Amino acid sequence: MSFSAWLTENYEEQGPIKWIAFFLEVVAALTLLLLMLLTCTDVLGRYLFDNSLNAASELTEICIAILVFAEMPIITWRGGHVVVDILDRFMGNKIIKVLGLLSILVMSSSLYYVAHRIFYIGERSIRRGEISEYLSIPMGHIVQYIAIMSWITAATVITYGIYILLFPKNSSLNSASSEPSSQESK
């Protein structure tokens, strides 16, 4: 099986989104592998050699930031966030769509504003030359990475939200919620 066929089989996204999702998941997987190796090395160093890695906590913090913000746009695009729809059966379809559109606008504008502020903090950190304690990593670049991924997530909130509003029958949320009923009938 070729790589392209494997990617098509395992990723339901279409076009360049499939490749972006794959790339971000590779970044997250490699970061998770690094975290695992870092933790194992730190624990073995502590118990076998009475000497832990000095920068283990620093690298762990950076890796967690990379991991979380690499996955955030993918989870958003796939509709993997928790959705509470308790009141949906009591409201009309038009009210639900208006509330959905309102939530899309609030979430995406909030993410955009927060990313804008975070990017400014990253620029300020670079200007001041702020570096990490043990490894002297410029922290502004990590902060700017967080801002960029938040902007990408804001864009995915808008595109996925509008997609769900325009094509509710094709969305993964509706197909996921209809799967248990089809399995119950078997």
C-alpha atoms as a PDB file:
ATOM      1  CA  MET A   1       0.000   0.000   0.000  1.00  0.00           C
ATOM      2  CA  SER A   2       1.392   3.374  -0.958  1.00  0.00           C
ATOM      3  CA  PHE A   3       1.675   6.218   1.510  1.00  0.00           C
ATOM      4  CA  SER A   4      -0.924   8.269  -0.365  1.00  0.00           C
ATOM      5  CA  ALA A   5      -3.410   5.367  -0.256  1.00  0.00           C
ATOM      6  CA  TRP A   6      -2.739   4.880   3.458  1.00  0.00           C
ATOM      7  CA  LEU A   7      -3.298   8.584   4.073  1.00  0.00           C
ATOM      8  CA  THR A   8      -6.570   8.555   2.123  1.00  0.00           C
ATOM      9  CA  GLU A   9      -7.748   5.485   4.029  1.00  0.00           C
ATOM     10  CA  ASN A  10      -6.934   6.872   7.485  1.00  0.00           C
ATOM     11  CA  TYR A  11      -7.798  10.568   7.080  1.00  0.00           C
ATOM     12  CA  GLU A  12     -11.303  11.593   6.086  1.00  0.00           C
ATOM     13  CA  GLU A  13     -10.325  15.228   5.436  1.00  0.00           C
ATOM     14  CA  GLN A  14     -10.107  16.324   1.818  1.00  0.00           C
ATOM     15  CA  GLY A  15      -7.444  18.192  -0.157  1.00  0.00           C
ATOM     16  CA  PRO A  16      -4.686  20.107   1.613  1.00  0.00           C
ATOM     17  CA  ILE A  17      -6.457  19.816   4.966  1.00  0.00           C
ATOM     18  CA  LYS A  18      -5.573  16.107   4.976  1.00  0.00           C
ATOM     19  CA  TRP A  19      -1.869  16.900   4.579  1.00  0.00           C
ATOM     20  CA  ILE A  20      -1.961  19.669   7.180  1.00  0.00           C
ATOM     21  CA  ALA A  21      -3.697  17.335   9.647  1.00  0.00           C
ATOM     22  CA  PHE A  22      -1.118  14.633   8.960  1.00  0.00           C
ATOM     23  CA  PHE A  23       1.776  17.067   9.406  1.00  0.00           C
ATOM     24  CA  LEU A  24       0.394  18.436  12.684  1.00  0.00           C
ATOM     25  CA  GLU A  25      -0.230  14.924  13.979  1.00  0.00           C
ATOM     26  CA  VAL A  26       3.356  13.959  13.094  1.00  0.00           C
ATOM     27  CA  VAL A  27       4.572  17.011  15.046  1.00  0.00           C
ATOM     28  CA  ALA A  28       2.385  15.976  17.997  1.00  0.00           C
ATOM     29  CA  ALA A  29       3.508  12.333  17.807  1.00  0.00           C
ATOM     30  CA  LEU A  30       7.202  13.226  17.664  1.00  0.00           C
ATOM     31  CA  THR A  31       6.733  15.621  20.562  1.00  0.00           C
ATOM     32  CA  LEU A  32       4.987  12.908  22.555  1.00  0.00           C
ATOM     33  CA  LEU A  33       7.843  10.509  21.758  1.00  0.00           C
ATOM     34  CA  LEU A  34      10.341  13.130  22.922  1.00  0.00           C
ATOM     35  CA  LEU A  35       8.350  13.610  26.135  1.00  0.00           C
ATOM     36  CA  MET A  36       8.368   9.859  26.768  1.00  0.00           C
ATOM     37  CA  LEU A  37      12.123   9.562  26.159  1.00  0.00           C
ATOM     38  CA  LEU A  38      12.769  12.640  28.279  1.00  0.00           C
ATOM     39  CA  THR A  39      10.722  11.300  31.183  1.00  0.00           C
ATOM     40  CA  CYS A  40      12.338   7.846  30.998  1.00  0.00           C
ATOM     41  CA  THR A  41      15.824   9.352  30.873  1.00  0.00           C
ATOM     42  CA  ASP A  42      15.057  11.661  33.772  1.00  0.00           C
ATOM     43  CA  VAL A  43      13.645   8.855  35.941  1.00  0.00           C
ATOM     44  CA  LEU A  44      16.508   6.467  35.093  1.00  0.00           C
ATOM     45  CA  GLY A  45      19.010   9.219  35.813  1.00  0.00           C
ATOM     46  CA  ARG A  46      17.432   9.895  39.189  1.00  0.00           C
ATOM     47  CA  TYR A  47      17.214   6.328  40.382  1.00  0.00           C
ATOM     48  CA  LEU A  48      20.304   4.776  38.815  1.00  0.00           C
ATOM     49  CA  PHE A  49      22.805   7.632  38.812  1.00  0.00           C
ATOM     50  CA  ASP A  50      21.411   9.986  41.472  1.00  0.00           C
ATOM     51  CA  ASN A  51      21.410  12.768  38.889  1.00  0.00           C
ATOM     52  CA  SER A  52      18.340  13.980  37.016  1.00  0.00           C
ATOM     53  CA  LEU A  53      18.252  16.087  33.882  1.00  0.00           C
ATOM     54  CA  ASN A  54      18.485  19.749  34.798  1.00  0.00           C
ATOM     55  CA  ALA A  55      16.315  20.907  31.937  1.00  0.00           C
ATOM     56  CA  ALA A  56      13.670  18.146  32.144  1.00  0.00           C
ATOM     57  CA  SER A  57      10.921  20.353  33.543  1.00  0.00           C
ATOM     58  CA  GLU A  58      11.761  23.122  31.068  1.00  0.00           C
ATOM     59  CA  LEU A  59      11.645  20.769  28.086  1.00  0.00           C
ATOM     60  CA  THR A  60       8.447  19.166  29.383  1.00  0.00           C
ATOM     61  CA  GLU A  61       6.700  22.540  29.523  1.00  0.00           C
ATOM     62  CA  ILE A  62       7.810  23.426  26.002  1.00  0.00           C
ATOM     63  CA  CYS A  63       6.848  20.010  24.612  1.00  0.00           C
ATOM     64  CA  ILE A  64       3.397  20.143  26.191  1.00  0.00           C
ATOM     65  CA  ALA A  65       2.797  23.564  24.615  1.00  0.00           C
ATOM     66  CA  ILE A  66       3.884  22.225  21.216  1.00  0.00           C
ATOM     67  CA  LEU A  67       1.736  19.097  21.604  1.00  0.00           C
ATOM     68  CA  VAL A  68      -1.455  20.838  22.745  1.00  0.00           C
ATOM     69  CA  PHE A  69      -1.356  23.615  20.189  1.00  0.00           C
ATOM     70  CA  ALA A  70      -0.460  21.255  17.323  1.00  0.00           C
ATOM     71  CA  GLU A  71      -3.585  19.194  18.021  1.00  0.00           C
ATOM     72  CA  MET A  72      -5.965  22.087  18.702  1.00  0.00           C
ATOM     73  CA  PRO A  73      -6.773  22.900  15.029  1.00  0.00           C
ATOM     74  CA  ILE A  74      -7.206  19.216  14.170  1.00  0.00           C
ATOM     75  CA  ILE A  75      -9.585  18.539  17.038  1.00  0.00           C
ATOM     76  CA  THR A  76     -11.538  21.653  16.120  1.00  0.00           C
ATOM     77  CA  TRP A  77     -11.756  20.728  12.432  1.00  0.00           C
ATOM     78  CA  ARG A  78     -12.957  17.222  13.262  1.00  0.00           C
ATOM     79  CA  GLY A  79     -15.555  18.533  15.697  1.00  0.00           C
ATOM     80  CA  GLY A  80     -13.964  16.740  18.622  1.00  0.00           C
ATOM     81  CA  HIS A  81     -14.924  19.275  21.261  1.00  0.00           C
ATOM     82  CA  VAL A  82     -17.593  18.584  23.843  1.00  0.00           C
ATOM     83  CA  VAL A  83     -21.017  19.775  22.687  1.00  0.00           C
ATOM     84  CA  VAL A  84     -23.954  20.031  25.065  1.00  0.00           C
ATOM     85  CA  ASP A  85     -27.255  19.859  23.241  1.00  0.00           C
ATOM     86  CA  ILE A  86     -29.709  19.369  26.108  1.00  0.00           C
ATOM     87  CA  LEU A  87     -32.051  22.144  25.001  1.00  0.00           C
ATOM     88  CA  ASP A  88     -31.910  21.417  21.251  1.00  0.00           C
ATOM     89  CA  ARG A  89     -35.086  19.318  21.220  1.00  0.00           C
ATOM     90  CA  PHE A  90     -37.055  22.165  22.843  1.00  0.00           C
ATOM     91  CA  MET A  91     -35.878  24.829  20.381  1.00  0.00           C
ATOM     92  CA  GLY A  92     -36.644  25.271  16.731  1.00  0.00           C
ATOM     93  CA  ASN A  93     -34.125  24.516  13.999  1.00  0.00           C
ATOM     94  CA  LYS A  94     -33.706  28.201  13.128  1.00  0.00           C
ATOM     95  CA  ILE A  95     -32.932  29.159  16.737  1.00  0.00           C
ATOM     96  CA  ILE A  96     -30.346  26.376  16.963  1.00  0.00           C
ATOM     97  CA  LYS A  97     -28.691  27.599  13.747  1.00  0.00           C
ATOM     98  CA  VAL A  98     -28.626  31.206  15.000  1.00  0.00           C
ATOM     99  CA  LEU A  99     -27.143  30.107  18.331  1.00  0.00           C
ATOM    100  CA  GLY A 100     -24.629  27.951  16.454  1.00  0.00           C
ATOM    101  CA  LEU A 101     -23.600  30.897  14.306  1.00  0.00           C
ATOM    102  CA  LEU A 102     -23.338  33.109  17.384  1.00  0.00           C
ATOM    103  CA  SER A 103     -21.140  30.558  19.161  1.00  0.00           C
ATOM    104  CA  ILE A 104     -18.915  30.255  16.076  1.00  0.00           C
ATOM    105  CA  LEU A 105     -18.449  34.017  15.967  1.00  0.00           C
ATOM    106  CA  VAL A 106     -17.771  34.298  19.703  1.00  0.00           C
ATOM    107  CA  MET A 107     -15.285  31.410  19.755  1.00  0.00           C
ATOM    108  CA  SER A 108     -13.391  32.442  16.644  1.00  0.00           C
ATOM    109  CA  SER A 109     -13.196  36.122  17.591  1.00  0.00           C
ATOM    110  CA  SER A 110     -12.082  35.188  21.105  1.00  0.00           C
ATOM    111  CA  LEU A 111      -9.363  32.914  19.746  1.00  0.00           C
ATOM    112  CA  TYR A 112      -8.298  35.602  17.288  1.00  0.00           C
ATOM    113  CA  TYR A 113      -8.062  38.281  19.998  1.00  0.00           C
ATOM    114  CA  VAL A 114      -6.214  36.008  22.426  1.00  0.00           C
ATOM    115  CA  ALA A 115      -3.800  34.971  19.653  1.00  0.00           C
ATOM    116  CA  HIS A 116      -3.201  38.625  18.804  1.00  0.00           C
ATOM    117  CA  ARG A 117      -2.309  39.390  22.431  1.00  0.00           C
ATOM    118  CA  ILE A 118      -0.144  36.262  22.733  1.00  0.00           C
ATOM    119  CA  PHE A 119       1.743  37.178  19.555  1.00  0.00           C
ATOM    120  CA  TYR A 120       2.401  40.644  20.961  1.00  0.00           C
ATOM    121  CA  ILE A 121       3.753  39.081  24.168  1.00  0.00           C
ATOM    122  CA  GLY A 122       5.981  36.822  22.054  1.00  0.00           C
ATOM    123  CA  GLU A 123       7.332  39.834  20.134  1.00  0.00           C
ATOM    124  CA  ARG A 124       8.020  41.624  23.402  1.00  0.00           C
ATOM    125  CA  SER A 125       9.764  38.545  24.751  1.00  0.00           C
ATOM    126  CA  ILE A 126      11.997  38.397  21.654  1.00  0.00           C
ATOM    127  CA  ARG A 127      12.802  42.116  21.897  1.00  0.00           C
ATOM    128  CA  ARG A 128      13.794  41.709  25.543  1.00  0.00           C
ATOM    129  CA  GLY A 129      15.865  38.625  24.785  1.00  0.00           C
ATOM    130  CA  GLU A 130      14.028  36.386  27.265  1.00  0.00           C
ATOM    131  CA  ILE A 131      15.458  32.884  27.253  1.00  0.00           C
ATOM    132  CA  SER A 132      14.780  29.697  29.170  1.00  0.00           C
ATOM    133  CA  GLU A 133      16.737  29.055  32.342  1.00  0.00           C
ATOM    134  CA  TYR A 134      18.759  25.939  31.505  1.00  0.00           C
ATOM    135  CA  LEU A 135      18.886  25.633  27.722  1.00  0.00           C
ATOM    136  CA  SER A 136      18.758  29.337  26.767  1.00  0.00           C
ATOM    137  CA  ILE A 137      15.909  28.748  24.304  1.00  0.00           C
ATOM    138  CA  PRO A 138      14.322  32.034  23.144  1.00  0.00           C
ATOM    139  CA  MET A 139      10.857  31.780  24.711  1.00  0.00           C
ATOM    140  CA  GLY A 140       9.315  34.353  22.391  1.00  0.00           C
ATOM    141  CA  HIS A 141       9.385  31.887  19.494  1.00  0.00           C
ATOM    142  CA  ILE A 142       7.431  29.304  21.493  1.00  0.00           C
ATOM    143  CA  VAL A 143       4.913  31.959  22.515  1.00  0.00           C
ATOM    144  CA  GLN A 144       4.531  33.065  18.894  1.00  0.00           C
ATOM    145  CA  TYR A 145       3.996  29.422  17.868  1.00  0.00           C
ATOM    146  CA  ILE A 146       1.106  29.296  20.358  1.00  0.00           C
ATOM    147  CA  ALA A 147      -0.362  32.461  18.821  1.00  0.00           C
ATOM    148  CA  ILE A 148      -0.061  31.158  15.253  1.00  0.00           C
ATOM    149  CA  MET A 149      -1.715  27.863  16.144  1.00  0.00           C
ATOM    150  CA  SER A 150      -4.483  29.801  17.922  1.00  0.00           C
ATOM    151  CA  TRP A 151      -5.047  31.821  14.721  1.00  0.00           C
ATOM    152  CA  ILE A 152      -5.224  28.601  12.718  1.00  0.00           C
ATOM    153  CA  THR A 153      -7.701  27.221  15.249  1.00  0.00           C
ATOM    154  CA  ALA A 154      -9.804  30.392  14.944  1.00  0.00           C
ATOM    155  CA  ALA A 155      -9.904  29.845  11.181  1.00  0.00           C
ATOM    156  CA  THR A 156     -10.907  26.201  11.637  1.00  0.00           C
ATOM    157  CA  VAL A 157     -13.672  27.215  14.062  1.00  0.00           C
ATOM    158  CA  ILE A 158     -15.135  29.488  11.404  1.00  0.00           C
ATOM    159  CA  THR A 159     -14.776  27.073   8.479  1.00  0.00           C
ATOM    160  CA  TYR A 160     -15.944  23.970  10.348  1.00  0.00           C
ATOM    161  CA  GLY A 161     -18.768  25.853  12.048  1.00  0.00           C
ATOM    162  CA  ILE A 162     -20.088  27.254   8.797  1.00  0.00           C
ATOM    163  CA  TYR A 163     -19.724  23.826   7.182  1.00  0.00           C
ATOM    164  CA  ILE A 164     -21.839  22.277   9.949  1.00  0.00           C
ATOM    165  CA  LEU A 165     -24.470  24.991   9.611  1.00  0.00           C
ATOM    166  CA  LEU A 166     -24.679  24.701   5.826  1.00  0.00           C
ATOM    167  CA  PHE A 167     -24.396  20.907   5.544  1.00  0.00           C
ATOM    168  CA  PRO A 168     -25.718  19.409   8.794  1.00  0.00           C
ATOM    169  CA  LYS A 169     -26.356  15.958   7.308  1.00  0.00           C
ATOM    170  CA  ASN A 170     -22.759  15.617   6.056  1.00  0.00           C
ATOM    171  CA  SER A 171     -21.084  16.669   9.297  1.00  0.00           C
ATOM    172  CA  SER A 172     -19.146  14.159  11.352  1.00  0.00           C
ATOM    173  CA  LEU A 173     -21.035  15.229  14.472  1.00  0.00           C
ATOM    174  CA  ASN A 174     -24.374  14.139  13.081  1.00  0.00           C
ATOM    175  CA  SER A 175     -22.971  10.925  11.622  1.00  0.00           C
ATOM    176  CA  ALA A 176     -21.262  10.135  14.928  1.00  0.00           C
ATOM    177  CA  SER A 177     -24.480  10.679  16.840  1.00  0.00           C
ATOM    178  CA  SER A 178     -26.433   8.493  14.411  1.00  0.00           C
ATOM    179  CA  GLU A 179     -23.949   5.598  14.558  1.00  0.00           C
ATOM    180  CA  PRO A 180     -25.066   4.210  17.932  1.00  0.00           C
ATOM    181  CA  SER A 181     -28.679   3.971  16.747  1.00  0.00           C
ATOM    182  CA  SER A 182     -27.599   1.988  13.681  1.00  0.00           C
ATOM    183  CA  GLN A 183     -25.525  -0.331  15.869  1.00  0.00           C
ATOM    184  CA  GLU A 184     -28.411  -0.812  18.283  1.00  0.00           C
ATOM    185  CA  SER A 185     -30.595  -2.072  15.460  1.00  0.00           C
ATOM    186  CA  LYS A 186     -28.088  -4.840  14.616  1.00  0.00           C
END
